[in-house]
C-alpha atoms as a PDB file:
ATOM      1  CA  UNK A   1    -112.231 130.494 -27.135  1.00  0.00           C
ATOM      2  CA  UNK A   2    -113.369 128.123 -23.979  1.00  0.00           C
ATOM      3  CA  UNK A   3    -111.629 128.827 -20.719  1.00  0.00           C
ATOM      4  CA  UNK A   4    -109.683 126.022 -20.758  1.00  0.00           C
ATOM      5  CA  UNK A   5    -108.124 128.030 -23.693  1.00  0.00           C
ATOM      6  CA  UNK A   6    -108.185 131.315 -21.701  1.00  0.00           C
ATOM      7  CA  UNK A   7    -106.501 129.813 -18.695  1.00  0.00           C
ATOM      8  CA  UNK A   8    -103.629 128.171 -20.503  1.00  0.00           C
ATOM      9  CA  UNK A   9    -102.793 131.172 -22.457  1.00  0.00           C
ATOM     10  CA  UNK A  10    -102.988 133.168 -19.434  1.00  0.00           C
ATOM     11  CA  UNK A  11    -100.742 130.860 -17.374  1.00  0.00           C
ATOM     12  CA  UNK A  12     -98.422 131.142 -20.798  1.00  0.00           C
ATOM     13  CA  UNK A  13     -98.320 135.071 -21.027  1.00  0.00           C
ATOM     14  CA  UNK A  14     -97.718 134.501 -16.842  1.00  0.00           C
ATOM     15  CA  UNK A  15     -94.680 132.230 -17.652  1.00  0.00           C
ATOM     16  CA  UNK A  16     -93.434 133.868 -20.561  1.00  0.00           C
ATOM     17  CA  UNK A  17     -93.055 137.334 -18.044  1.00  0.00           C
ATOM     18  CA  UNK A  18     -91.820 135.278 -15.011  1.00  0.00           C
ATOM     19  CA  UNK A  19     -89.093 133.884 -17.446  1.00  0.00           C
ATOM     20  CA  UNK A  20     -88.178 137.779 -19.244  1.00  0.00           C
ATOM     21  CA  UNK A  21     -87.850 139.002 -15.479  1.00  0.00           C
ATOM     22  CA  UNK A  22     -85.689 136.464 -13.984  1.00  0.00           C
ATOM     23  CA  UNK A  23     -83.332 137.236 -17.440  1.00  0.00           C
ATOM     24  CA  UNK A  24     -83.315 141.244 -16.689  1.00  0.00           C
ATOM     25  CA  UNK A  25     -82.324 140.281 -13.145  1.00  0.00           C
ATOM     26  CA  UNK A  26     -79.389 138.080 -14.124  1.00  0.00           C
ATOM     27  CA  UNK A  27     -78.766 140.273 -16.662  1.00  0.00           C
ATOM     28  CA  UNK A  28     -78.554 142.939 -14.762  1.00  0.00           C
ATOM     29  CA  UNK A  29     -76.099 141.047 -11.600  1.00  0.00           C
ATOM     30  CA  UNK A  30     -73.615 140.232 -14.215  1.00  0.00           C
ATOM     31  CA  UNK A  31     -73.318 143.572 -15.891  1.00  0.00           C
ATOM     32  CA  UNK A  32     -73.220 144.795 -11.759  1.00  0.00           C
ATOM     33  CA  UNK A  33     -70.393 142.190 -11.027  1.00  0.00           C
ATOM     34  CA  UNK A  34     -68.607 143.378 -14.551  1.00  0.00           C
ATOM     35  CA  UNK A  35     -69.152 147.153 -13.680  1.00  0.00           C
ATOM     36  CA  UNK A  36     -67.244 146.819 -10.069  1.00  0.00           C
ATOM     37  CA  UNK A  37     -64.565 145.141 -11.699  1.00  0.00           C
ATOM     38  CA  UNK A  38     -64.228 147.994 -13.955  1.00  0.00           C
ATOM     39  CA  UNK A  39     -64.466 150.336 -11.472  1.00  0.00           C
ATOM     40  CA  UNK A  40     -61.767 148.305  -9.178  1.00  0.00           C
ATOM     41  CA  UNK A  41     -59.701 148.080 -12.462  1.00  0.00           C
ATOM     42  CA  UNK A  42     -59.936 151.826 -13.081  1.00  0.00           C
ATOM     43  CA  UNK A  43     -58.997 152.834  -9.510  1.00  0.00           C
ATOM     44  CA  UNK A  44     -55.608 150.839  -9.234  1.00  0.00           C
ATOM     45  CA  UNK A  45     -54.764 152.422 -12.481  1.00  0.00           C
ATOM     46  CA  UNK A  46     -55.753 156.295 -10.782  1.00  0.00           C
ATOM     47  CA  UNK A  47     -53.694 154.636  -7.658  1.00  0.00           C
ATOM     48  CA  UNK A  48     -50.688 154.932 -10.240  1.00  0.00           C
ATOM     49  CA  UNK A  49     -51.115 158.209 -11.426  1.00  0.00           C
ATOM     50  CA  UNK A  50     -49.347 159.012  -7.242  1.00  0.00           C
ATOM     51  CA  UNK A  51     -46.674 156.887  -7.500  1.00  0.00           C
ATOM     52  CA  UNK A  52     -45.699 158.490 -11.393  1.00  0.00           C
ATOM     53  CA  UNK A  53     -46.435 161.768  -9.962  1.00  0.00           C
ATOM     54  CA  UNK A  54     -44.122 161.075  -7.036  1.00  0.00           C
ATOM     55  CA  UNK A  55     -41.083 159.679  -8.940  1.00  0.00           C
ATOM     56  CA  UNK A  56     -41.903 162.490 -11.921  1.00  0.00           C
ATOM     57  CA  UNK A  57     -41.420 165.372  -8.809  1.00  0.00           C
ATOM     58  CA  UNK A  58     -38.091 163.060  -7.650  1.00  0.00           C
ATOM     59  CA  UNK A  59     -36.560 163.564 -10.899  1.00  0.00           C
ATOM     60  CA  UNK A  60     -37.638 167.053 -11.545  1.00  0.00           C
ATOM     61  CA  UNK A  61     -36.130 168.132  -8.259  1.00  0.00           C
ATOM     62  CA  UNK A  62     -32.712 166.088  -9.094  1.00  0.00           C
ATOM     63  CA  UNK A  63     -32.737 167.291 -12.594  1.00  0.00           C
ATOM     64  CA  UNK A  64     -33.081 171.010 -11.435  1.00  0.00           C
ATOM     65  CA  UNK A  65     -30.456 170.324  -8.701  1.00  0.00           C
ATOM     66  CA  UNK A  66     -27.680 169.497 -11.664  1.00  0.00           C
ATOM     67  CA  UNK A  67     -28.833 172.112 -13.877  1.00  0.00           C
ATOM     68  CA  UNK A  68     -27.903 174.981 -10.850  1.00  0.00           C
ATOM     69  CA  UNK A  69     -24.778 172.809 -10.408  1.00  0.00           C
ATOM     70  CA  UNK A  70     -24.027 173.264 -13.933  1.00  0.00           C
ATOM     71  CA  UNK A  71     -25.017 176.788 -14.200  1.00  0.00           C
ATOM     72  CA  UNK A  72     -22.876 177.475 -10.990  1.00  0.00           C
ATOM     73  CA  UNK A  73     -19.079 175.960 -12.766  1.00  0.00           C
ATOM     74  CA  UNK A  74     -20.690 177.751 -16.022  1.00  0.00           C
ATOM     75  CA  UNK A  75     -20.302 181.310 -14.579  1.00  0.00           C
ATOM     76  CA  UNK A  76     -17.012 180.505 -12.760  1.00  0.00           C
ATOM     77  CA  UNK A  77     -15.467 179.195 -16.243  1.00  0.00           C
ATOM     78  CA  UNK A  78     -16.859 182.312 -18.140  1.00  0.00           C
ATOM     79  CA  UNK A  79     -15.022 184.210 -15.196  1.00  0.00           C
ATOM     80  CA  UNK A  80     -11.779 182.173 -15.638  1.00  0.00           C
ATOM     81  CA  UNK A  81     -12.154 183.199 -19.194  1.00  0.00           C
ATOM     82  CA  UNK A  82     -12.624 187.149 -18.642  1.00  0.00           C
ATOM     83  CA  UNK A  83      -9.965 187.306 -16.733  1.00  0.00           C
ATOM     84  CA  UNK A  84      -7.869 185.330 -19.115  1.00  0.00           C
ATOM     85  CA  UNK A  85      -8.914 187.987 -21.456  1.00  0.00           C
ATOM     86  CA  UNK A  86      -7.890 190.867 -19.236  1.00  0.00           C
ATOM     87  CA  UNK A  87      -4.386 189.402 -18.832  1.00  0.00           C
ATOM     88  CA  UNK A  88      -4.178 189.206 -22.597  1.00  0.00           C
ATOM     89  CA  UNK A  89      -4.635 192.706 -22.995  1.00  0.00           C
ATOM     90  CA  UNK A  90      -2.931 193.929 -20.220  1.00  0.00           C
ATOM     91  CA  UNK A  91       0.064 191.904 -21.787  1.00  0.00           C
ATOM     92  CA  UNK A  92      -1.246 193.615 -25.608  1.00  0.00           C
ATOM     93  CA  UNK A  93      -0.420 197.278 -23.953  1.00  0.00           C
ATOM     94  CA  UNK A  94       3.093 196.682 -22.716  1.00  0.00           C
ATOM     95  CA  UNK A  95       3.976 195.189 -26.551  1.00  0.00           C
ATOM     96  CA  UNK A  96       5.274 197.606 -29.374  1.00  0.00           C
ATOM     97  CA  UNK A  97       3.135 198.922 -31.794  1.00  0.00           C
ATOM     98  CA  UNK A  98       5.293 196.784 -35.096  1.00  0.00           C
ATOM     99  CA  UNK A  99       4.705 193.489 -33.417  1.00  0.00           C
ATOM    100  CA  UNK A 100       2.486 193.879 -30.161  1.00  0.00           C
ATOM    101  CA  UNK A 101      -0.889 191.982 -32.256  1.00  0.00           C
ATOM    102  CA  UNK A 102       0.560 188.952 -33.660  1.00  0.00           C
ATOM    103  CA  UNK A 103       0.961 186.876 -30.510  1.00  0.00           C
ATOM    104  CA  UNK A 104      -1.468 188.261 -28.763  1.00  0.00           C
ATOM    105  CA  UNK A 105      -4.031 187.385 -31.743  1.00  0.00           C
ATOM    106  CA  UNK A 106      -3.273 184.171 -31.550  1.00  0.00           C
ATOM    107  CA  UNK A 107      -4.428 183.776 -27.747  1.00  0.00           C
ATOM    108  CA  UNK A 108      -7.449 185.630 -28.475  1.00  0.00           C
ATOM    109  CA  UNK A 109      -8.410 183.212 -31.787  1.00  0.00           C
ATOM    110  CA  UNK A 110      -7.750 180.471 -29.369  1.00  0.00           C
ATOM    111  CA  UNK A 111      -9.769 181.619 -26.495  1.00  0.00           C
ATOM    112  CA  UNK A 112     -12.429 182.480 -29.147  1.00  0.00           C
ATOM    113  CA  UNK A 113     -12.625 179.452 -30.836  1.00  0.00           C
ATOM    114  CA  UNK A 114     -12.636 177.932 -27.332  1.00  0.00           C
ATOM    115  CA  UNK A 115     -15.749 180.016 -26.405  1.00  0.00           C
ATOM    116  CA  UNK A 116     -17.102 179.175 -29.796  1.00  0.00           C
ATOM    117  CA  UNK A 117     -16.974 175.270 -28.788  1.00  0.00           C
ATOM    118  CA  UNK A 118     -18.191 175.372 -25.600  1.00  0.00           C
ATOM    119  CA  UNK A 119     -21.329 177.055 -26.872  1.00  0.00           C
ATOM    120  CA  UNK A 120     -21.809 174.340 -28.944  1.00  0.00           C
ATOM    121  CA  UNK A 121     -21.071 171.563 -26.554  1.00  0.00           C
ATOM    122  CA  UNK A 122     -23.513 173.122 -23.952  1.00  0.00           C
ATOM    123  CA  UNK A 123     -26.168 175.539 -25.316  1.00  0.00           C
ATOM    124  CA  UNK A 124     -29.177 173.537 -27.087  1.00  0.00           C
ATOM    125  CA  UNK A 125     -29.837 175.052 -30.431  1.00  0.00           C
ATOM    126  CA  UNK A 126     -31.455 173.729 -34.191  1.00  0.00           C
ATOM    127  CA  UNK A 127     -29.370 171.794 -36.911  1.00  0.00           C
ATOM    128  CA  UNK A 128     -28.988 175.275 -38.602  1.00  0.00           C
ATOM    129  CA  UNK A 129     -27.724 177.275 -35.663  1.00  0.00           C
ATOM    130  CA  UNK A 130     -25.305 174.855 -34.846  1.00  0.00           C
ATOM    131  CA  UNK A 131     -24.242 174.487 -38.684  1.00  0.00           C
ATOM    132  CA  UNK A 132     -23.385 177.920 -38.759  1.00  0.00           C
ATOM    133  CA  UNK A 133     -21.650 177.808 -35.512  1.00  0.00           C
ATOM    134  CA  UNK A 134     -19.545 175.255 -36.597  1.00  0.00           C
ATOM    135  CA  UNK A 135     -18.356 177.174 -39.630  1.00  0.00           C
ATOM    136  CA  UNK A 136     -17.344 179.830 -37.280  1.00  0.00           C
ATOM    137  CA  UNK A 137     -15.433 177.767 -35.275  1.00  0.00           C
ATOM    138  CA  UNK A 138     -13.533 176.371 -38.629  1.00  0.00           C
ATOM    139  CA  UNK A 139     -12.966 180.051 -39.394  1.00  0.00           C
ATOM    140  CA  UNK A 140     -11.553 180.928 -36.058  1.00  0.00           C
ATOM    141  CA  UNK A 141      -9.096 177.721 -36.176  1.00  0.00           C
ATOM    142  CA  UNK A 142      -7.969 178.541 -39.783  1.00  0.00           C
ATOM    143  CA  UNK A 143      -7.789 182.157 -38.543  1.00  0.00           C
ATOM    144  CA  UNK A 144      -5.550 180.815 -35.224  1.00  0.00           C
ATOM    145  CA  UNK A 145      -3.385 178.452 -37.516  1.00  0.00           C
ATOM    146  CA  UNK A 146      -2.286 180.908 -39.935  1.00  0.00           C
ATOM    147  CA  UNK A 147      -1.468 183.484 -36.951  1.00  0.00           C
ATOM    148  CA  UNK A 148       0.463 180.977 -35.328  1.00  0.00           C
ATOM    149  CA  UNK A 149       2.592 179.976 -38.440  1.00  0.00           C
ATOM    150  CA  UNK A 150       3.025 183.685 -38.705  1.00  0.00           C
ATOM    151  CA  UNK A 151       4.411 184.017 -35.004  1.00  0.00           C
ATOM    152  CA  UNK A 152       6.793 181.008 -35.832  1.00  0.00           C
ATOM    153  CA  UNK A 153       8.748 183.528 -38.288  1.00  0.00           C
ATOM    154  CA  UNK A 154       9.184 185.837 -36.138  1.00  0.00           C
ATOM    155  CA  UNK A 155      11.284 184.405 -33.552  1.00  0.00           C
ATOM    156  CA  UNK A 156      13.611 187.314 -33.362  1.00  0.00           C
ATOM    157  CA  UNK A 157      11.250 188.941 -31.476  1.00  0.00           C
ATOM    158  CA  UNK A 158      11.126 188.670 -27.866  1.00  0.00           C
ATOM    159  CA  UNK A 159       7.723 188.861 -25.606  1.00  0.00           C
ATOM    160  CA  UNK A 160       8.019 189.344 -21.921  1.00  0.00           C
ATOM    161  CA  UNK A 161       5.235 186.839 -20.718  1.00  0.00           C
ATOM    162  CA  UNK A 162       6.946 185.241 -17.989  1.00  0.00           C
ATOM    163  CA  UNK A 163       4.324 185.948 -15.430  1.00  0.00           C
ATOM    164  CA  UNK A 164       1.425 186.967 -17.927  1.00  0.00           C
ATOM    165  CA  UNK A 165       1.701 183.823 -19.937  1.00  0.00           C
ATOM    166  CA  UNK A 166       1.783 181.403 -16.812  1.00  0.00           C
ATOM    167  CA  UNK A 167      -1.385 182.982 -15.199  1.00  0.00           C
ATOM    168  CA  UNK A 168      -3.120 182.953 -18.636  1.00  0.00           C
ATOM    169  CA  UNK A 169      -2.397 179.601 -18.645  1.00  0.00           C
ATOM    170  CA  UNK A 170      -3.591 178.567 -15.318  1.00  0.00           C
ATOM    171  CA  UNK A 171      -6.690 180.460 -16.242  1.00  0.00           C
ATOM    172  CA  UNK A 172      -7.528 178.717 -19.506  1.00  0.00           C
ATOM    173  CA  UNK A 173      -6.512 174.965 -17.614  1.00  0.00           C
ATOM    174  CA  UNK A 174      -9.022 176.146 -14.837  1.00  0.00           C
ATOM    175  CA  UNK A 175     -11.438 177.127 -17.111  1.00  0.00           C
ATOM    176  CA  UNK A 176     -11.330 173.821 -18.929  1.00  0.00           C
ATOM    177  CA  UNK A 177     -11.694 171.867 -15.741  1.00  0.00           C
ATOM    178  CA  UNK A 178     -14.747 174.170 -15.109  1.00  0.00           C
ATOM    179  CA  UNK A 179     -15.851 173.400 -18.572  1.00  0.00           C
ATOM    180  CA  UNK A 180     -15.244 169.558 -17.883  1.00  0.00           C
ATOM    181  CA  UNK A 181     -17.917 169.856 -15.210  1.00  0.00           C
ATOM    182  CA  UNK A 182     -20.299 171.765 -16.892  1.00  0.00           C
ATOM    183  CA  UNK A 183     -20.428 169.205 -19.300  1.00  0.00           C
ATOM    184  CA  UNK A 184     -20.881 166.624 -16.888  1.00  0.00           C
ATOM    185  CA  UNK A 185     -23.246 168.308 -15.225  1.00  0.00           C
ATOM    186  CA  UNK A 186     -25.046 168.955 -18.204  1.00  0.00           C
ATOM    187  CA  UNK A 187     -24.931 165.570 -19.470  1.00  0.00           C
ATOM    188  CA  UNK A 188     -26.212 164.336 -16.096  1.00  0.00           C
ATOM    189  CA  UNK A 189     -29.550 167.026 -16.428  1.00  0.00           C
ATOM    190  CA  UNK A 190     -30.225 165.525 -19.980  1.00  0.00           C
ATOM    191  CA  UNK A 191     -30.724 161.832 -18.510  1.00  0.00           C
ATOM    192  CA  UNK A 192     -32.629 163.218 -15.724  1.00  0.00           C
ATOM    193  CA  UNK A 193     -34.838 165.077 -18.353  1.00  0.00           C
ATOM    194  CA  UNK A 194     -35.036 162.258 -20.481  1.00  0.00           C
ATOM    195  CA  UNK A 195     -36.383 160.107 -17.675  1.00  0.00           C
ATOM    196  CA  UNK A 196     -38.602 162.931 -16.796  1.00  0.00           C
ATOM    197  CA  UNK A 197     -40.284 162.832 -20.056  1.00  0.00           C
ATOM    198  CA  UNK A 198     -40.617 159.246 -20.117  1.00  0.00           C
ATOM    199  CA  UNK A 199     -42.646 159.173 -16.875  1.00  0.00           C
ATOM    200  CA  UNK A 200     -44.448 161.942 -18.548  1.00  0.00           C
ATOM    201  CA  UNK A 201     -45.436 159.899 -21.094  1.00  0.00           C
ATOM    202  CA  UNK A 202     -46.327 156.795 -18.982  1.00  0.00           C
ATOM    203  CA  UNK A 203     -48.725 159.013 -16.733  1.00  0.00           C
ATOM    204  CA  UNK A 204     -50.396 160.219 -20.006  1.00  0.00           C
ATOM    205  CA  UNK A 205     -50.792 156.973 -21.096  1.00  0.00           C
ATOM    206  CA  UNK A 206     -52.021 155.816 -17.875  1.00  0.00           C
ATOM    207  CA  UNK A 207     -54.479 158.515 -17.564  1.00  0.00           C
ATOM    208  CA  UNK A 208     -55.736 157.498 -21.165  1.00  0.00           C
ATOM    209  CA  UNK A 209     -56.073 153.851 -19.810  1.00  0.00           C
ATOM    210  CA  UNK A 210     -58.036 155.397 -16.829  1.00  0.00           C
ATOM    211  CA  UNK A 211     -60.310 157.752 -19.038  1.00  0.00           C
ATOM    212  CA  UNK A 212     -61.284 154.611 -21.064  1.00  0.00           C
ATOM    213  CA  UNK A 213     -61.770 152.253 -17.984  1.00  0.00           C
ATOM    214  CA  UNK A 214     -64.066 154.961 -16.737  1.00  0.00           C
ATOM    215  CA  UNK A 215     -66.172 154.837 -19.712  1.00  0.00           C
ATOM    216  CA  UNK A 216     -66.386 151.204 -19.926  1.00  0.00           C
ATOM    217  CA  UNK A 217     -67.670 151.595 -16.112  1.00  0.00           C
ATOM    218  CA  UNK A 218     -70.294 154.085 -17.163  1.00  0.00           C
ATOM    219  CA  UNK A 219     -71.346 152.176 -20.051  1.00  0.00           C
ATOM    220  CA  UNK A 220     -71.856 148.748 -18.326  1.00  0.00           C
ATOM    221  CA  UNK A 221     -73.286 150.539 -15.279  1.00  0.00           C
ATOM    222  CA  UNK A 222     -76.062 152.433 -17.646  1.00  0.00           C
ATOM    223  CA  UNK A 223     -76.776 148.828 -19.414  1.00  0.00           C
ATOM    224  CA  UNK A 224     -77.303 147.586 -16.015  1.00  0.00           C
ATOM    225  CA  UNK A 225     -79.647 150.687 -14.592  1.00  0.00           C
ATOM    226  CA  UNK A 226     -81.551 149.767 -18.307  1.00  0.00           C
ATOM    227  CA  UNK A 227     -81.896 146.163 -17.263  1.00  0.00           C
ATOM    228  CA  UNK A 228     -82.970 146.706 -13.762  1.00  0.00           C
ATOM    229  CA  UNK A 229     -85.623 149.266 -15.127  1.00  0.00           C
ATOM    230  CA  UNK A 230     -87.166 146.550 -17.496  1.00  0.00           C
ATOM    231  CA  UNK A 231     -86.819 143.831 -14.616  1.00  0.00           C
ATOM    232  CA  UNK A 232     -89.105 146.292 -12.785  1.00  0.00           C
ATOM    233  CA  UNK A 233     -91.597 146.852 -15.499  1.00  0.00           C
ATOM    234  CA  UNK A 234     -91.881 143.635 -16.547  1.00  0.00           C
ATOM    235  CA  UNK A 235     -92.329 142.411 -12.039  1.00  0.00           C
ATOM    236  CA  UNK A 236     -95.211 145.298 -12.373  1.00  0.00           C
ATOM    237  CA  UNK A 237     -96.567 143.124 -15.049  1.00  0.00           C
ATOM    238  CA  UNK A 238     -96.616 140.001 -13.490  1.00  0.00           C
ATOM    239  CA  UNK A 239     -98.188 141.469  -9.793  1.00  0.00           C
ATOM    240  CA  UNK A 240    -100.811 142.638 -12.014  1.00  0.00           C
ATOM    241  CA  UNK A 241    -101.377 139.265 -13.908  1.00  0.00           C
ATOM    242  CA  UNK A 242    -101.650 137.557 -10.643  1.00  0.00           C
ATOM    243  CA  UNK A 243    -103.206 140.057  -9.482  1.00  0.00           C
ATOM    244  CA  UNK A 244    -105.803 139.975 -11.964  1.00  0.00           C
ATOM    245  CA  UNK A 245    -106.436 136.047 -12.037  1.00  0.00           C
ATOM    246  CA  UNK A 246    -106.456 136.552  -8.020  1.00  0.00           C
ATOM    247  CA  UNK A 247    -109.203 139.042  -8.584  1.00  0.00           C
ATOM    248  CA  UNK A 248    -111.027 136.758 -11.222  1.00  0.00           C
ATOM    249  CA  UNK A 249    -110.648 133.622  -8.772  1.00  0.00           C
ATOM    250  CA  UNK A 250    -111.944 135.564  -6.053  1.00  0.00           C
ATOM    251  CA  UNK A 251    -114.887 136.641  -7.904  1.00  0.00           C
ATOM    252  CA  UNK A 252    -115.612 132.970  -9.132  1.00  0.00           C
ATOM    253  CA  UNK A 253    -115.401 131.788  -5.811  1.00  0.00           C
ATOM    254  CA  UNK A 254    -117.662 134.069  -4.414  1.00  0.00           C
ATOM    255  CA  UNK A 255    -120.015 133.250  -7.182  1.00  0.00           C
ATOM    256  CA  UNK A 256    -119.955 129.816  -6.506  1.00  0.00           C
ATOM    257  CA  UNK A 257    -120.071 130.504  -2.808  1.00  0.00           C
ATOM    258  CA  UNK A 258    -123.818 132.544  -3.284  1.00  0.00           C
ATOM    259  CA  UNK A 259    -124.581 130.000  -5.675  1.00  0.00           C
ATOM    260  CA  UNK A 260    -124.095 127.513  -3.464  1.00  0.00           C
ATOM    261  CA  UNK A 261    -125.965 129.518  -0.641  1.00  0.00           C
ATOM    262  CA  UNK A 262    -129.139 129.950  -2.787  1.00  0.00           C
ATOM    263  CA  UNK A 263    -129.261 126.420  -3.582  1.00  0.00           C
ATOM    264  CA  UNK A 264    -129.343 125.606   0.305  1.00  0.00           C
ATOM    265  CA  UNK A 265    -131.532 127.958   0.713  1.00  0.00           C
ATOM    266  CA  UNK A 266    -134.051 126.858  -2.076  1.00  0.00           C
ATOM    267  CA  UNK A 267    -133.467 123.511  -0.394  1.00  0.00           C
ATOM    268  CA  UNK A 268    -134.386 124.168   2.678  1.00  0.00           C
ATOM    269  CA  UNK A 269    -137.505 126.093   1.352  1.00  0.00           C
ATOM    270  CA  UNK A 270    -138.784 122.827   0.288  1.00  0.00           C
ATOM    271  CA  UNK A 271    -138.086 121.389   3.044  1.00  0.00           C
ATOM    272  CA  UNK A 272    -140.333 123.634   5.349  1.00  0.00           C
ATOM    273  CA  UNK A 273    -143.142 123.680   2.806  1.00  0.00           C
ATOM    274  CA  UNK A 274    -143.063 119.641   3.172  1.00  0.00           C
ATOM    275  CA  UNK A 275    -143.206 119.771   7.138  1.00  0.00           C
ATOM    276  CA  UNK A 276    -145.909 122.612   6.673  1.00  0.00           C
ATOM    277  CA  UNK A 277    -147.954 120.575   4.110  1.00  0.00           C
ATOM    278  CA  UNK A 278    -147.424 117.255   6.211  1.00  0.00           C
ATOM    279  CA  UNK A 279    -148.838 119.596   9.037  1.00  0.00           C
ATOM    280  CA  UNK A 280    -151.721 120.377   7.410  1.00  0.00           C
ATOM    281  CA  UNK A 281    -152.714 116.964   6.194  1.00  0.00           C
ATOM    282  CA  UNK A 282    -152.074 115.659  10.202  1.00  0.00           C
ATOM    283  CA  UNK A 283    -154.684 118.506  11.053  1.00  0.00           C
ATOM    284  CA  UNK A 284    -157.437 117.750   8.555  1.00  0.00           C
ATOM    285  CA  UNK A 285    -157.123 114.343   9.420  1.00  0.00           C
ATOM    286  CA  UNK A 286    -158.081 115.535  12.911  1.00  0.00           C
ATOM    287  CA  UNK A 287    -160.714 117.451  11.241  1.00  0.00           C
ATOM    288  CA  UNK A 288    -158.724 120.574  12.605  1.00  0.00           C
ATOM    289  CA  UNK A 289    -158.769 123.945  10.007  1.00  0.00           C
ATOM    290  CA  UNK A 290    -155.621 124.867   8.679  1.00  0.00           C
ATOM    291  CA  UNK A 291    -154.960 128.725   7.184  1.00  0.00           C
ATOM    292  CA  UNK A 292    -153.371 129.187   4.297  1.00  0.00           C
END
């Protein structure tokens, strides 16, 4: 292969290496820009996590306050019902052995049916448990209606219920009012709970999105690093090729310089020899001796 062919091949190799180096640099910069965008998007999503958590804490506090109020009114309702039962029991003791059970049984069945209905409306339970409770309510109501029919037949029986009946009615009325508050606070707390769970789900989705952005960011950043390493490797190759060419150029320049020095020296030697020869001829012409 001739020197020109070698030079062309070297120049082409150097040109290709520089192109590859620039391509890796460009790709690295593009990936770094993309990684920056992904990191900013990830950080923006992470910033939303704080907003979600603050909203969750607020809704949870509101829900817990409603539950606390519900429990308070539930305790009041239960106390009123228990007091009403005590009045019923006290009235029962005043009645005769023969007729004491019927009217009091009616009130007791009414109270039991109400308690079961209150429980159905406010206590979370499975569908199976609720169906079982509904059956009990039906049984109590059927017993209550049957007891009412029997009581209507015994109109001749006088029952002293003037004071206690009024007290019992008032207690049941107040218990109903408290139950209405229990139901309202229960419904409101359930709405808050649903809102809270919605925020929990949204936070979960946001965290998943953040993790995905972070994984993409790591992947792109690693790819950028690979291109950077390839660029460094290619730059080292370019520098080595240039150093090798520079070295060989210096060596060639030095060889030419040495060759020129030798050529000049040889020329100078010939000139000195010619001068000496001319001087010797002149001396001979004058009859002088010369030394070799």
